[in-house]
Amino acid sequence: MFIIINIDARSSTPIYEQIILGIKELIIKEIISPGDKLPSVREMANMLTTNPQTVSKAYNELERLNIIETLRGKGTYVSMEYKPKLEEEKMLKFKKDLKKLLMDAHYMGLNENQINLIFKEVYVNLLGTDHEGGSINE
């Protein structure tokens, strides 16, 4: 399987986190699905031209989150068992990050309606659905 994940070596986001975000996005966009086999750590490292330890760190975190699973001797797969769960620590970070983005938007001169339109555009681009869960193709 050939997976495209964009890695920005100049980004302040560590490469392993970029790999995690890339795989999560591929799953959300249904480019890869539960049960799909992922490239091995070595294969993924070659595709991304990065260190295998970096890919291993990303895979370990994704496995800890139950997003992927490794079956000994068979490979690494997108988990069939994943169920989203609300984690308090992540919720606090989400609110902090959102507050920063809203402050930035305010200082860019964006009003609430413009922010909501941008939010919906990004949401639809990522999930392919409107904010109420309906498909944009309906």
N, C-alpha and C. Protein backbone atom coordinates (compact mmCIF):
# COMPACT_ATOMS: atom_id res chain seq x y z
N MET A 1 0.85 -1.18 0.00
CA MET A 1 0.00 0.00 0.00
C MET A 1 0.89 1.24 0.00
N PHE A 2 0.57 2.18 -0.87
CA PHE A 2 1.32 3.42 -0.95
C PHE A 2 0.51 4.50 -0.23
N ILE A 3 1.09 5.08 0.81
CA ILE A 3 0.42 6.09 1.61
C ILE A 3 1.15 7.41 1.44
N ILE A 4 0.39 8.47 1.20
CA ILE A 4 1.00 9.78 1.07
C ILE A 4 0.73 10.59 2.34
N ILE A 5 1.81 10.90 3.03
CA ILE A 5 1.77 11.76 4.20
C ILE A 5 2.77 12.88 3.94
N ASN A 6 2.31 14.10 4.06
CA ASN A 6 3.19 15.24 3.84
C ASN A 6 3.95 15.56 5.11
N ILE A 7 5.26 15.51 5.03
CA ILE A 7 6.13 15.82 6.16
C ILE A 7 6.85 17.13 5.85
N ASP A 8 6.80 18.06 6.78
CA ASP A 8 7.49 19.34 6.64
C ASP A 8 8.63 19.38 7.64
N ALA A 9 9.84 19.15 7.15
CA ALA A 9 11.02 19.10 8.02
C ALA A 9 11.28 20.43 8.70
N ARG A 10 10.75 21.53 8.15
CA ARG A 10 10.96 22.86 8.73
C ARG A 10 9.90 23.21 9.77
N SER A 11 8.88 22.37 9.90
CA SER A 11 7.80 22.64 10.85
C SER A 11 8.29 22.50 12.29
N SER A 12 7.66 23.24 13.18
CA SER A 12 7.98 23.10 14.61
C SER A 12 7.32 21.84 15.19
N THR A 13 6.40 21.24 14.44
CA THR A 13 5.76 20.00 14.87
C THR A 13 6.71 18.84 14.60
N PRO A 14 7.03 18.05 15.63
CA PRO A 14 7.94 16.92 15.42
C PRO A 14 7.44 15.98 14.31
N ILE A 15 8.38 15.36 13.62
CA ILE A 15 8.02 14.50 12.48
C ILE A 15 7.11 13.36 12.91
N TYR A 16 7.36 12.76 14.09
CA TYR A 16 6.50 11.65 14.51
C TYR A 16 5.06 12.12 14.70
N GLU A 17 4.87 13.36 15.18
CA GLU A 17 3.52 13.89 15.34
C GLU A 17 2.89 14.16 13.97
N GLN A 18 3.69 14.59 13.01
CA GLN A 18 3.18 14.80 11.65
C GLN A 18 2.72 13.47 11.05
N ILE A 19 3.44 12.40 11.34
CA ILE A 19 3.05 11.06 10.86
C ILE A 19 1.73 10.66 11.51
N ILE A 20 1.61 10.87 12.81
CA ILE A 20 0.36 10.55 13.52
C ILE A 20 -0.80 11.32 12.90
N LEU A 21 -0.63 12.62 12.73
CA LEU A 21 -1.70 13.45 12.15
C LEU A 21 -2.02 13.01 10.73
N GLY A 22 -0.99 12.65 9.96
CA GLY A 22 -1.20 12.21 8.58
C GLY A 22 -2.02 10.93 8.52
N ILE A 23 -1.70 9.97 9.37
CA ILE A 23 -2.45 8.70 9.38
C ILE A 23 -3.88 8.94 9.87
N LYS A 24 -4.04 9.76 10.90
CA LYS A 24 -5.39 10.07 11.39
C LYS A 24 -6.22 10.72 10.28
N GLU A 25 -5.61 11.63 9.52
CA GLU A 25 -6.34 12.30 8.44
C GLU A 25 -6.72 11.31 7.34
N LEU A 26 -5.81 10.40 7.00
CA LEU A 26 -6.12 9.38 5.98
C LEU A 26 -7.29 8.50 6.42
N ILE A 27 -7.37 8.20 7.71
CA ILE A 27 -8.48 7.40 8.24
C ILE A 27 -9.78 8.20 8.20
N ILE A 28 -9.72 9.45 8.66
CA ILE A 28 -10.92 10.30 8.67
C ILE A 28 -11.47 10.47 7.27
N LYS A 29 -10.57 10.68 6.30
CA LYS A 29 -11.00 10.88 4.91
C LYS A 29 -11.33 9.57 4.21
N GLU A 30 -11.22 8.46 4.94
CA GLU A 30 -11.51 7.12 4.43
C GLU A 30 -10.63 6.73 3.26
N ILE A 31 -9.42 7.27 3.23
CA ILE A 31 -8.44 6.85 2.23
C ILE A 31 -7.88 5.50 2.66
N ILE A 32 -7.75 5.33 3.98
CA ILE A 32 -7.47 4.01 4.55
C ILE A 32 -8.59 3.71 5.54
N SER A 33 -8.94 2.45 5.66
CA SER A 33 -10.11 2.04 6.43
C SER A 33 -9.74 1.02 7.50
N PRO A 34 -10.62 0.82 8.49
CA PRO A 34 -10.37 -0.23 9.47
C PRO A 34 -10.11 -1.56 8.78
N GLY A 35 -9.04 -2.21 9.22
CA GLY A 35 -8.65 -3.49 8.64
C GLY A 35 -7.58 -3.37 7.56
N ASP A 36 -7.35 -2.16 7.05
CA ASP A 36 -6.32 -1.97 6.03
C ASP A 36 -4.93 -2.13 6.65
N LYS A 37 -4.05 -2.75 5.88
CA LYS A 37 -2.68 -2.95 6.33
C LYS A 37 -1.87 -1.70 6.05
N LEU A 38 -1.06 -1.29 7.01
CA LEU A 38 -0.16 -0.16 6.86
C LEU A 38 1.22 -0.67 6.45
N PRO A 39 2.02 0.19 5.84
CA PRO A 39 3.40 -0.22 5.53
C PRO A 39 4.14 -0.53 6.84
N SER A 40 5.12 -1.41 6.74
CA SER A 40 5.95 -1.69 7.91
C SER A 40 6.68 -0.41 8.31
N VAL A 41 7.24 -0.42 9.51
CA VAL A 41 8.00 0.73 9.99
C VAL A 41 9.09 1.08 8.98
N ARG A 42 9.81 0.08 8.53
CA ARG A 42 10.91 0.30 7.59
C ARG A 42 10.41 0.85 6.25
N GLU A 43 9.31 0.26 5.75
CA GLU A 43 8.73 0.74 4.48
C GLU A 43 8.27 2.19 4.59
N MET A 44 7.58 2.49 5.70
CA MET A 44 7.08 3.86 5.91
C MET A 44 8.25 4.83 6.03
N ALA A 45 9.30 4.44 6.74
CA ALA A 45 10.48 5.29 6.88
C ALA A 45 11.11 5.57 5.52
N ASN A 46 11.17 4.56 4.67
CA ASN A 46 11.72 4.74 3.32
C ASN A 46 10.83 5.68 2.50
N MET A 47 9.50 5.50 2.59
CA MET A 47 8.58 6.35 1.83
C MET A 47 8.69 7.81 2.27
N LEU A 48 8.87 8.02 3.56
CA LEU A 48 8.92 9.38 4.11
C LEU A 48 10.33 9.93 4.21
N THR A 49 11.30 9.11 3.85
CA THR A 49 12.72 9.44 3.99
C THR A 49 13.02 10.00 5.38
N THR A 50 12.66 9.19 6.36
CA THR A 50 12.90 9.54 7.76
C THR A 50 13.46 8.34 8.50
N ASN A 51 13.84 8.53 9.71
CA ASN A 51 14.42 7.49 10.54
C ASN A 51 13.34 6.47 10.95
N PRO A 52 13.62 5.17 10.86
CA PRO A 52 12.65 4.17 11.30
C PRO A 52 12.21 4.35 12.77
N GLN A 53 13.11 4.86 13.61
CA GLN A 53 12.73 5.08 15.02
C GLN A 53 11.64 6.14 15.13
N THR A 54 11.64 7.11 14.24
CA THR A 54 10.60 8.15 14.23
C THR A 54 9.25 7.54 13.87
N VAL A 55 9.24 6.69 12.85
CA VAL A 55 8.01 6.01 12.44
C VAL A 55 7.55 5.08 13.56
N SER A 56 8.48 4.37 14.17
CA SER A 56 8.15 3.46 15.27
C SER A 56 7.49 4.23 16.42
N LYS A 57 8.00 5.40 16.73
CA LYS A 57 7.43 6.23 17.80
C LYS A 57 6.00 6.63 17.45
N ALA A 58 5.76 7.01 16.19
CA ALA A 58 4.42 7.37 15.74
C ALA A 58 3.48 6.16 15.82
N TYR A 59 3.93 5.02 15.31
CA TYR A 59 3.12 3.81 15.35
C TYR A 59 2.79 3.41 16.79
N ASN A 60 3.78 3.53 17.68
CA ASN A 60 3.54 3.18 19.09
C ASN A 60 2.45 4.06 19.70
N GLU A 61 2.49 5.35 19.39
CA GLU A 61 1.46 6.26 19.93
C GLU A 61 0.09 5.95 19.33
N LEU A 62 0.05 5.68 18.03
CA LEU A 62 -1.22 5.33 17.39
C LEU A 62 -1.77 4.02 17.96
N GLU A 63 -0.87 3.11 18.28
CA GLU A 63 -1.30 1.84 18.88
C GLU A 63 -1.82 2.07 20.30
N ARG A 64 -1.15 2.95 21.05
CA ARG A 64 -1.59 3.29 22.40
C ARG A 64 -3.00 3.88 22.37
N LEU A 65 -3.30 4.63 21.32
CA LEU A 65 -4.62 5.24 21.17
C LEU A 65 -5.64 4.27 20.57
N ASN A 66 -5.20 3.05 20.28
CA ASN A 66 -6.06 2.01 19.69
C ASN A 66 -6.54 2.38 18.29
N ILE A 67 -5.76 3.19 17.58
CA ILE A 67 -6.09 3.57 16.22
C ILE A 67 -5.53 2.55 15.24
N ILE A 68 -4.37 1.99 15.58
CA ILE A 68 -3.79 0.92 14.78
C ILE A 68 -3.46 -0.24 15.71
N GLU A 69 -3.24 -1.41 15.12
CA GLU A 69 -2.83 -2.57 15.91
C GLU A 69 -1.80 -3.37 15.13
N THR A 70 -0.85 -3.91 15.87
CA THR A 70 0.19 -4.73 15.25
C THR A 70 -0.06 -6.18 15.61
N LEU A 71 -0.13 -7.01 14.60
CA LEU A 71 -0.31 -8.45 14.79
C LEU A 71 1.02 -9.11 14.48
N ARG A 72 1.61 -9.74 15.47
CA ARG A 72 2.94 -10.34 15.31
C ARG A 72 2.98 -11.25 14.08
N GLY A 73 3.98 -11.02 13.26
CA GLY A 73 4.19 -11.84 12.07
C GLY A 73 3.27 -11.50 10.91
N LYS A 74 2.29 -10.62 11.12
CA LYS A 74 1.34 -10.30 10.05
C LYS A 74 1.43 -8.84 9.61
N GLY A 75 1.78 -7.94 10.52
CA GLY A 75 1.91 -6.53 10.15
C GLY A 75 1.08 -5.62 11.03
N THR A 76 1.00 -4.37 10.58
CA THR A 76 0.27 -3.32 11.31
C THR A 76 -0.95 -2.93 10.50
N TYR A 77 -2.08 -2.83 11.19
CA TYR A 77 -3.37 -2.59 10.55
C TYR A 77 -4.11 -1.45 11.23
N VAL A 78 -4.98 -0.79 10.46
CA VAL A 78 -5.90 0.17 11.06
C VAL A 78 -6.87 -0.64 11.91
N SER A 79 -7.04 -0.23 13.15
CA SER A 79 -7.84 -0.98 14.11
C SER A 79 -9.31 -1.07 13.70
N MET A 80 -9.88 -2.25 13.88
CA MET A 80 -11.31 -2.46 13.67
C MET A 80 -12.08 -2.08 14.94
N GLU A 81 -11.37 -1.93 16.04
CA GLU A 81 -11.98 -1.74 17.36
C GLU A 81 -11.98 -0.30 17.85
N TYR A 82 -11.50 0.64 17.03
CA TYR A 82 -11.35 2.02 17.53
C TYR A 82 -12.70 2.63 17.87
N LYS A 83 -12.74 3.23 19.05
CA LYS A 83 -13.90 4.00 19.49
C LYS A 83 -13.37 5.30 20.07
N PRO A 84 -13.83 6.44 19.52
CA PRO A 84 -13.36 7.72 20.07
C PRO A 84 -13.68 7.82 21.56
N LYS A 85 -12.75 8.44 22.30
CA LYS A 85 -13.00 8.65 23.72
C LYS A 85 -12.53 10.04 24.09
N LEU A 86 -13.29 10.65 24.97
CA LEU A 86 -12.98 11.99 25.42
C LEU A 86 -11.97 11.92 26.55
N GLU A 87 -10.81 12.53 26.33
CA GLU A 87 -9.77 12.56 27.33
C GLU A 87 -9.67 13.98 27.87
N GLU A 88 -9.78 14.13 29.18
CA GLU A 88 -9.80 15.44 29.82
C GLU A 88 -8.58 16.28 29.45
N GLU A 89 -7.40 15.67 29.50
CA GLU A 89 -6.17 16.41 29.20
C GLU A 89 -6.18 16.92 27.76
N LYS A 90 -6.64 16.10 26.83
CA LYS A 90 -6.69 16.52 25.43
C LYS A 90 -7.76 17.59 25.23
N MET A 91 -8.86 17.51 25.98
CA MET A 91 -9.91 18.51 25.88
C MET A 91 -9.38 19.87 26.35
N LEU A 92 -8.61 19.89 27.43
CA LEU A 92 -8.03 21.14 27.92
C LEU A 92 -7.07 21.73 26.88
N LYS A 93 -6.25 20.88 26.27
CA LYS A 93 -5.33 21.35 25.23
C LYS A 93 -6.10 21.86 24.02
N PHE A 94 -7.16 21.17 23.65
CA PHE A 94 -8.00 21.59 22.52
C PHE A 94 -8.56 22.99 22.78
N LYS A 95 -9.09 23.21 23.97
CA LYS A 95 -9.66 24.52 24.31
C LYS A 95 -8.60 25.61 24.30
N LYS A 96 -7.41 25.29 24.81
CA LYS A 96 -6.31 26.25 24.82
C LYS A 96 -5.90 26.60 23.39
N ASP A 97 -5.76 25.57 22.53
CA ASP A 97 -5.39 25.79 21.14
C ASP A 97 -6.47 26.60 20.40
N LEU A 98 -7.73 26.26 20.67
CA LEU A 98 -8.84 26.96 20.03
C LEU A 98 -8.87 28.43 20.45
N LYS A 99 -8.62 28.68 21.73
CA LYS A 99 -8.60 30.06 22.22
C LYS A 99 -7.52 30.86 21.49
N LYS A 100 -6.35 30.27 21.32
CA LYS A 100 -5.26 30.95 20.61
C LYS A 100 -5.68 31.24 19.16
N LEU A 101 -6.28 30.26 18.50
CA LEU A 101 -6.73 30.46 17.12
C LEU A 101 -7.78 31.56 17.03
N LEU A 102 -8.70 31.59 17.99
CA LEU A 102 -9.74 32.62 17.98
C LEU A 102 -9.15 34.01 18.22
N MET A 103 -8.15 34.09 19.09
CA MET A 103 -7.48 35.38 19.30
C MET A 103 -6.77 35.82 18.02
N ASP A 104 -6.08 34.88 17.36
CA ASP A 104 -5.42 35.20 16.09
C ASP A 104 -6.44 35.67 15.06
N ALA A 105 -7.58 34.98 14.98
CA ALA A 105 -8.64 35.36 14.04
C ALA A 105 -9.15 36.76 14.34
N HIS A 106 -9.33 37.07 15.61
CA HIS A 106 -9.80 38.40 16.01
C HIS A 106 -8.83 39.47 15.53
N TYR A 107 -7.53 39.23 15.75
CA TYR A 107 -6.53 40.21 15.35
C TYR A 107 -6.30 40.26 13.85
N MET A 108 -6.86 39.29 13.12
CA MET A 108 -6.85 39.34 11.65
C MET A 108 -8.06 40.10 11.14
N GLY A 109 -8.98 40.44 12.06
CA GLY A 109 -10.17 41.18 11.68
C GLY A 109 -11.35 40.31 11.30
N LEU A 110 -11.28 39.01 11.61
CA LEU A 110 -12.38 38.10 11.28
C LEU A 110 -13.48 38.21 12.33
N ASN A 111 -14.74 38.23 11.86
CA ASN A 111 -15.86 38.23 12.81
C ASN A 111 -16.37 36.80 13.00
N GLU A 112 -17.34 36.63 13.88
CA GLU A 112 -17.85 35.29 14.21
C GLU A 112 -18.37 34.55 12.98
N ASN A 113 -19.11 35.24 12.13
CA ASN A 113 -19.65 34.59 10.93
C ASN A 113 -18.54 34.11 10.00
N GLN A 114 -17.51 34.94 9.82
CA GLN A 114 -16.38 34.54 8.97
C GLN A 114 -15.65 33.34 9.57
N ILE A 115 -15.48 33.35 10.89
CA ILE A 115 -14.82 32.23 11.56
C ILE A 115 -15.64 30.96 11.40
N ASN A 116 -16.96 31.07 11.55
CA ASN A 116 -17.83 29.90 11.38
C ASN A 116 -17.77 29.35 9.96
N LEU A 117 -17.70 30.24 8.97
CA LEU A 117 -17.60 29.79 7.58
C LEU A 117 -16.27 29.07 7.33
N ILE A 118 -15.20 29.61 7.88
CA ILE A 118 -13.89 28.97 7.73
C ILE A 118 -13.90 27.62 8.43
N PHE A 119 -14.47 27.57 9.64
CA PHE A 119 -14.56 26.31 10.38
C PHE A 119 -15.30 25.27 9.55
N LYS A 120 -16.45 25.66 8.99
CA LYS A 120 -17.26 24.72 8.20
C LYS A 120 -16.48 24.26 6.96
N GLU A 121 -15.79 25.20 6.29
CA GLU A 121 -15.02 24.85 5.11
C GLU A 121 -13.95 23.81 5.43
N VAL A 122 -13.21 24.02 6.52
CA VAL A 122 -12.16 23.09 6.92
C VAL A 122 -12.77 21.75 7.34
N TYR A 123 -13.87 21.81 8.09
CA TYR A 123 -14.55 20.61 8.56
C TYR A 123 -15.03 19.76 7.38
N VAL A 124 -15.67 20.41 6.43
CA VAL A 124 -16.18 19.69 5.25
C VAL A 124 -15.02 19.13 4.43
N ASN A 125 -13.95 19.92 4.30
CA ASN A 125 -12.78 19.45 3.55
C ASN A 125 -12.18 18.21 4.19
N LEU A 126 -12.15 18.17 5.51
CA LEU A 126 -11.57 17.03 6.22
C LEU A 126 -12.51 15.84 6.25
N LEU A 127 -13.77 16.07 6.63
CA LEU A 127 -14.69 14.96 6.86
C LEU A 127 -15.65 14.69 5.71
N GLY A 128 -15.77 15.62 4.79
CA GLY A 128 -16.69 15.42 3.67
C GLY A 128 -18.15 15.51 4.08
N THR A 129 -18.42 16.10 5.25
CA THR A 129 -19.80 16.25 5.72
C THR A 129 -19.99 17.65 6.25
N ASP A 130 -21.26 18.06 6.36
CA ASP A 130 -21.52 19.35 6.98
C ASP A 130 -21.47 19.20 8.49
N HIS A 131 -21.64 20.30 9.22
CA HIS A 131 -21.49 20.28 10.67
C HIS A 131 -22.56 19.47 11.39
N GLU A 132 -23.64 19.11 10.71
CA GLU A 132 -24.69 18.32 11.34
C GLU A 132 -24.56 16.83 11.01
N GLY A 133 -23.46 16.48 10.35
CA GLY A 133 -23.21 15.07 10.09
C GLY A 133 -23.74 14.56 8.78
N GLY A 134 -24.47 15.41 8.03
CA GLY A 134 -24.98 14.99 6.73
C GLY A 134 -23.90 15.08 5.68
N SER A 135 -23.95 14.22 4.70
CA SER A 135 -22.95 14.27 3.63
C SER A 135 -23.17 15.50 2.79
N ILE A 136 -22.11 16.11 2.31
CA ILE A 136 -22.25 17.29 1.44
C ILE A 136 -22.78 16.89 0.07
N ASN A 137 -22.79 15.58 -0.19
CA ASN A 137 -23.29 15.09 -1.47
C ASN A 137 -24.77 14.76 -1.43
N GLU A 138 -25.40 14.95 -0.27
CA GLU A 138 -26.82 14.60 -0.14
C GLU A 138 -27.69 15.65 -0.77
